[in-house]
Amino acid sequence: MNIKEKKTIVTGVSRGIGLATVREMLDRGVIVAGWSRTPPVLDHVNFHFFKTDVSNMEEVEASYRQTVEKIGNDIGILVNNAGIGFEGLFEDLSVERWHSMFRTNVDGIFYCSRLVIPEMKKREEGHIINISSIAGTVGIPGMAAYCATKHAVRGMSHAMYKELRNFGIKVTCIYPGSVKTGFFDKIDSVEVSDNMMMPEDIAGTIMHVLDTQPNYHHVDIEVRPLRPKGKKA
């Protein structure tokens, strides 16, 4: 896909992977609508911010209407990046935190994707990228709810790509291992370090996926730090 001047929606743009992806896209001439609860520190003629909590369907629909008014309805790329995670043993995790993760990590992808798909089908072109996690491929003690949401993203992504491939629409699911972002601020069992991947690494993977020719489709991409604990002494 030639992504220059493509209309794009990226969720979760306040920092981390979302912000790194937006910056990379803007450098490539992409027109970006950024959706998140908090605005990023970013000023660019091709960047348009819309305050959005993706777990709230009404807010998502309002942001979509505002995005269409601002940049048009020919959205060619959607990056579903927004996500949250809380740590807690299965029996100790609060019901509210359980529902909060599902509303953001799973419902949010549904709310956003369902709005852009009809126009993508009409144009027979589009790319939806869902950010899952290594937690979407394995079980992690103390992270049962988060793992459940990211496994759901995997299953949803596979069903989406099979529904949409014959309309010329790609759906790619990316499964990052540990990335040095604010995600781990509330995960006490993980110590953030420079041995983790950087948000720019994941943004680079997203750009690589978008750059492929129309009949070449990445379905699943798993990425991890090579030496997560650094070199052995």
Protein backbone atom coordinates (compact mmCIF):
# COMPACT_ATOMS: atom_id res chain seq x y z
CA MET A 1 0.00 0.00 0.00
CA ASN A 2 1.22 3.49 -0.83
CA ILE A 3 0.59 5.13 2.52
CA LYS A 4 1.46 8.73 1.65
CA GLU A 5 -1.59 10.95 2.29
CA LYS A 6 -3.60 7.93 3.47
CA LYS A 7 -6.29 8.79 6.02
CA THR A 8 -5.58 6.91 9.23
CA ILE A 9 -7.01 6.42 12.70
CA VAL A 10 -4.67 5.40 15.53
CA THR A 11 -6.02 4.75 19.02
CA GLY A 12 -4.10 5.15 22.26
CA VAL A 13 -1.84 7.94 20.98
CA SER A 14 -0.90 9.73 24.19
CA ARG A 15 2.39 7.85 24.56
CA GLY A 16 4.18 4.58 23.90
CA ILE A 17 3.48 2.52 20.77
CA GLY A 18 0.61 4.73 19.64
CA LEU A 19 2.60 7.95 19.77
CA ALA A 20 5.65 6.35 18.13
CA THR A 21 3.42 5.04 15.34
CA VAL A 22 1.83 8.44 14.77
CA ARG A 23 5.23 10.13 14.54
CA GLU A 24 6.46 7.55 12.04
CA MET A 25 3.32 7.96 9.94
CA LEU A 26 3.54 11.74 9.93
CA ASP A 27 7.14 11.48 8.72
CA ARG A 28 5.80 9.41 5.81
CA GLY A 29 3.11 11.92 4.82
CA VAL A 30 0.15 10.11 6.37
CA ILE A 31 -2.89 12.09 7.60
CA VAL A 32 -3.61 10.89 11.13
CA ALA A 33 -6.61 11.14 13.42
CA GLY A 34 -5.42 10.29 16.93
CA TRP A 35 -7.96 8.94 19.40
CA SER A 36 -7.19 8.65 23.10
CA ARG A 37 -8.31 9.92 26.48
CA THR A 38 -5.26 12.15 26.84
CA PRO A 39 -3.72 14.27 24.05
CA PRO A 40 -0.10 13.67 23.09
CA VAL A 41 2.52 16.39 23.08
CA LEU A 42 2.50 16.68 19.31
CA ASP A 43 1.92 19.50 16.87
CA HIS A 44 1.75 18.69 13.16
CA VAL A 45 -0.40 19.94 10.31
CA ASN A 46 -1.46 16.37 9.43
CA PHE A 47 -2.30 15.32 12.99
CA HIS A 48 -5.80 15.77 14.38
CA PHE A 49 -6.60 14.78 17.95
CA PHE A 50 -10.02 13.65 19.14
CA LYS A 51 -10.54 12.93 22.83
CA THR A 52 -11.84 9.38 22.94
CA ASP A 53 -12.32 6.62 25.46
CA VAL A 54 -12.53 3.60 23.15
CA SER A 55 -14.40 1.63 25.83
CA ASN A 56 -17.33 4.01 25.38
CA MET A 57 -19.29 3.37 22.18
CA GLU A 58 -20.91 6.81 22.17
CA GLU A 59 -17.52 8.53 22.40
CA VAL A 60 -16.12 6.36 19.61
CA GLU A 61 -19.05 7.15 17.33
CA ALA A 62 -18.75 10.87 18.12
CA SER A 63 -15.02 10.84 17.35
CA TYR A 64 -15.66 9.01 14.10
CA ARG A 65 -18.18 11.65 13.03
CA GLN A 66 -15.72 14.42 13.90
CA THR A 67 -12.91 12.61 12.09
CA VAL A 68 -14.99 12.23 8.94
CA GLU A 69 -15.90 15.93 9.07
CA LYS A 70 -12.23 16.86 9.42
CA ILE A 71 -10.41 14.49 7.05
CA GLY A 72 -13.11 12.58 5.14
CA ASN A 73 -14.61 9.11 5.38
CA ASP A 74 -12.03 7.37 3.17
CA ILE A 75 -10.13 5.93 6.11
CA GLY A 76 -7.52 3.56 4.70
CA ILE A 77 -5.78 2.44 7.88
CA LEU A 78 -6.94 1.75 11.43
CA VAL A 79 -4.46 0.89 14.18
CA ASN A 80 -6.27 -0.48 17.23
CA ASN A 81 -3.56 0.16 19.80
CA ALA A 82 -5.40 1.40 22.90
CA GLY A 83 -5.22 -1.04 25.78
CA ILE A 84 -4.94 -1.33 29.54
CA GLY A 85 -3.73 -4.04 31.92
CA PHE A 86 -3.96 -4.74 35.64
CA GLU A 87 -2.20 -7.39 37.65
CA GLY A 88 -3.97 -9.57 40.20
CA LEU A 89 -4.62 -13.15 41.17
CA PHE A 90 -7.77 -14.55 39.62
CA GLU A 91 -9.77 -14.56 42.86
CA ASP A 92 -8.45 -11.17 44.00
CA LEU A 93 -9.03 -9.11 40.86
CA SER A 94 -11.98 -6.75 41.19
CA VAL A 95 -14.97 -7.23 38.90
CA GLU A 96 -14.62 -3.60 37.78
CA ARG A 97 -11.01 -4.10 36.66
CA TRP A 98 -12.02 -7.27 34.81
CA HIS A 99 -14.77 -5.44 32.93
CA SER A 100 -12.57 -2.37 32.37
CA MET A 101 -9.94 -4.44 30.56
CA PHE A 102 -12.51 -6.16 28.38
CA ARG A 103 -14.30 -2.89 27.55
CA THR A 104 -11.05 -1.24 26.44
CA ASN A 105 -9.03 -4.11 24.96
CA VAL A 106 -11.83 -6.03 23.24
CA ASP A 107 -14.97 -3.92 22.95
CA GLY A 108 -12.86 -0.95 21.84
CA ILE A 109 -11.58 -2.82 18.79
CA PHE A 110 -15.15 -3.80 17.89
CA TYR A 111 -16.47 -0.25 18.32
CA CYS A 112 -13.71 1.28 16.16
CA SER A 113 -13.44 -1.35 13.44
CA ARG A 114 -17.15 -1.64 12.70
CA LEU A 115 -17.23 2.04 11.71
CA VAL A 116 -14.43 1.97 9.11
CA ILE A 117 -15.16 -1.40 7.51
CA PRO A 118 -18.19 -0.41 5.34
CA GLU A 119 -16.26 2.30 3.47
CA MET A 120 -13.19 0.07 3.17
CA LYS A 121 -15.41 -2.57 1.55
CA LYS A 122 -16.76 -0.03 -0.94
CA ARG A 123 -13.23 0.96 -1.96
CA GLU A 124 -11.96 -2.65 -1.78
CA GLU A 125 -8.90 -1.48 0.13
CA GLY A 126 -7.93 -1.01 3.74
CA HIS A 127 -5.74 -2.28 6.54
CA ILE A 128 -6.74 -2.86 10.16
CA ILE A 129 -3.90 -3.56 12.60
CA ASN A 130 -4.77 -4.92 16.04
CA ILE A 131 -2.15 -4.77 18.79
CA SER A 132 -2.44 -7.86 20.95
CA SER A 133 0.41 -9.13 23.14
CA ILE A 134 2.48 -12.19 23.89
CA ALA A 135 -0.18 -12.54 26.59
CA GLY A 136 -2.54 -13.36 23.72
CA THR A 137 -0.61 -16.55 22.99
CA VAL A 138 0.19 -17.90 26.48
CA GLY A 139 -1.13 -17.78 30.03
CA ILE A 140 0.67 -15.59 32.57
CA PRO A 141 0.12 -16.08 36.33
CA GLY A 142 -1.38 -12.99 37.89
CA MET A 143 -2.52 -11.68 34.52
CA ALA A 144 -5.49 -13.93 33.76
CA ALA A 145 -7.89 -11.14 32.79
CA TYR A 146 -5.35 -9.37 30.60
CA CYS A 147 -4.45 -12.67 28.91
CA ALA A 148 -8.13 -13.36 28.33
CA THR A 149 -8.61 -10.01 26.58
CA LYS A 150 -5.55 -10.47 24.39
CA HIS A 151 -6.56 -14.02 23.45
CA ALA A 152 -9.90 -12.50 22.47
CA VAL A 153 -8.08 -10.00 20.24
CA ARG A 154 -6.34 -12.87 18.52
CA GLY A 155 -9.55 -14.78 17.83
CA MET A 156 -11.37 -11.63 16.72
CA SER A 157 -8.50 -10.68 14.38
CA HIS A 158 -8.45 -14.10 12.73
CA ALA A 159 -12.21 -14.01 12.15
CA MET A 160 -12.00 -10.45 10.82
CA TYR A 161 -9.31 -11.23 8.29
CA LYS A 162 -11.25 -14.24 6.97
CA GLU A 163 -14.39 -12.10 6.64
CA LEU A 164 -12.62 -9.20 4.95
CA ARG A 165 -9.83 -10.64 2.80
CA ASN A 166 -12.03 -11.06 -0.28
CA PHE A 167 -12.92 -7.36 -0.08
CA GLY A 168 -9.25 -6.41 -0.40
CA ILE A 169 -9.00 -5.52 3.30
CA LYS A 170 -6.07 -6.77 5.37
CA VAL A 171 -6.25 -7.50 9.08
CA THR A 172 -2.98 -7.98 10.93
CA CYS A 173 -2.52 -8.89 14.58
CA ILE A 174 0.80 -8.03 16.27
CA TYR A 175 1.93 -9.75 19.47
CA PRO A 176 4.70 -7.75 21.18
CA GLY A 177 6.69 -9.04 24.10
CA SER A 178 7.88 -6.55 26.70
CA VAL A 179 8.03 -2.96 25.42
CA LYS A 180 9.44 -0.06 27.44
CA THR A 181 6.25 1.97 27.85
CA GLY A 182 4.08 3.23 30.67
CA PHE A 183 2.09 -0.02 30.52
CA PHE A 184 4.19 -1.52 33.30
CA ASP A 185 3.66 1.41 35.68
CA LYS A 186 0.92 -0.61 37.41
CA ILE A 187 2.50 -4.08 36.99
CA ASP A 188 4.60 -4.57 40.11
CA SER A 189 6.03 -7.94 39.08
CA VAL A 190 7.85 -6.51 36.06
CA GLU A 191 10.91 -4.29 36.27
CA VAL A 192 11.17 -1.91 33.33
CA SER A 193 14.59 -1.88 31.68
CA ASP A 194 16.43 -0.89 28.52
CA ASN A 195 16.52 -4.58 27.56
CA MET A 196 12.88 -4.31 26.56
CA MET A 197 11.87 -3.39 23.04
CA MET A 198 11.23 0.28 22.34
CA PRO A 199 7.91 1.72 21.10
CA GLU A 200 9.72 2.77 17.91
CA ASP A 201 10.50 -0.90 17.24
CA ILE A 202 6.81 -1.79 17.16
CA ALA A 203 6.04 1.32 15.10
CA GLY A 204 8.64 0.13 12.59
CA THR A 205 6.93 -3.26 12.39
CA ILE A 206 3.59 -1.54 11.75
CA MET A 207 5.11 0.50 8.93
CA HIS A 208 6.68 -2.62 7.41
CA VAL A 209 3.29 -4.35 7.40
CA LEU A 210 1.64 -1.34 5.74
CA ASP A 211 4.29 -1.11 3.03
CA THR A 212 3.51 -4.50 1.50
CA GLN A 213 2.00 -4.97 -1.95
CA PRO A 214 -1.79 -5.48 -2.09
CA ASN A 215 -1.79 -9.28 -2.42
CA TYR A 216 0.75 -9.88 0.38
CA HIS A 217 -0.83 -10.22 3.81
CA HIS A 218 0.78 -10.48 7.25
CA VAL A 219 -1.78 -12.21 9.47
CA ASP A 220 0.16 -12.70 12.73
CA ILE A 221 3.47 -11.17 13.79
CA GLU A 222 5.13 -12.06 17.10
CA VAL A 223 8.01 -9.85 18.24
CA ARG A 224 10.17 -10.14 21.34
CA PRO A 225 13.34 -8.63 22.78
CA LEU A 226 16.30 -10.84 21.83
CA ARG A 227 17.92 -10.64 25.27
CA PRO A 228 15.16 -9.59 27.69
CA LYS A 229 17.52 -9.79 30.66
CA GLY A 230 20.56 -8.39 28.87
CA LYS A 231 23.90 -10.10 28.27
CA LYS A 232 24.96 -12.74 30.73
CA ALA A 233 27.82 -11.66 32.97
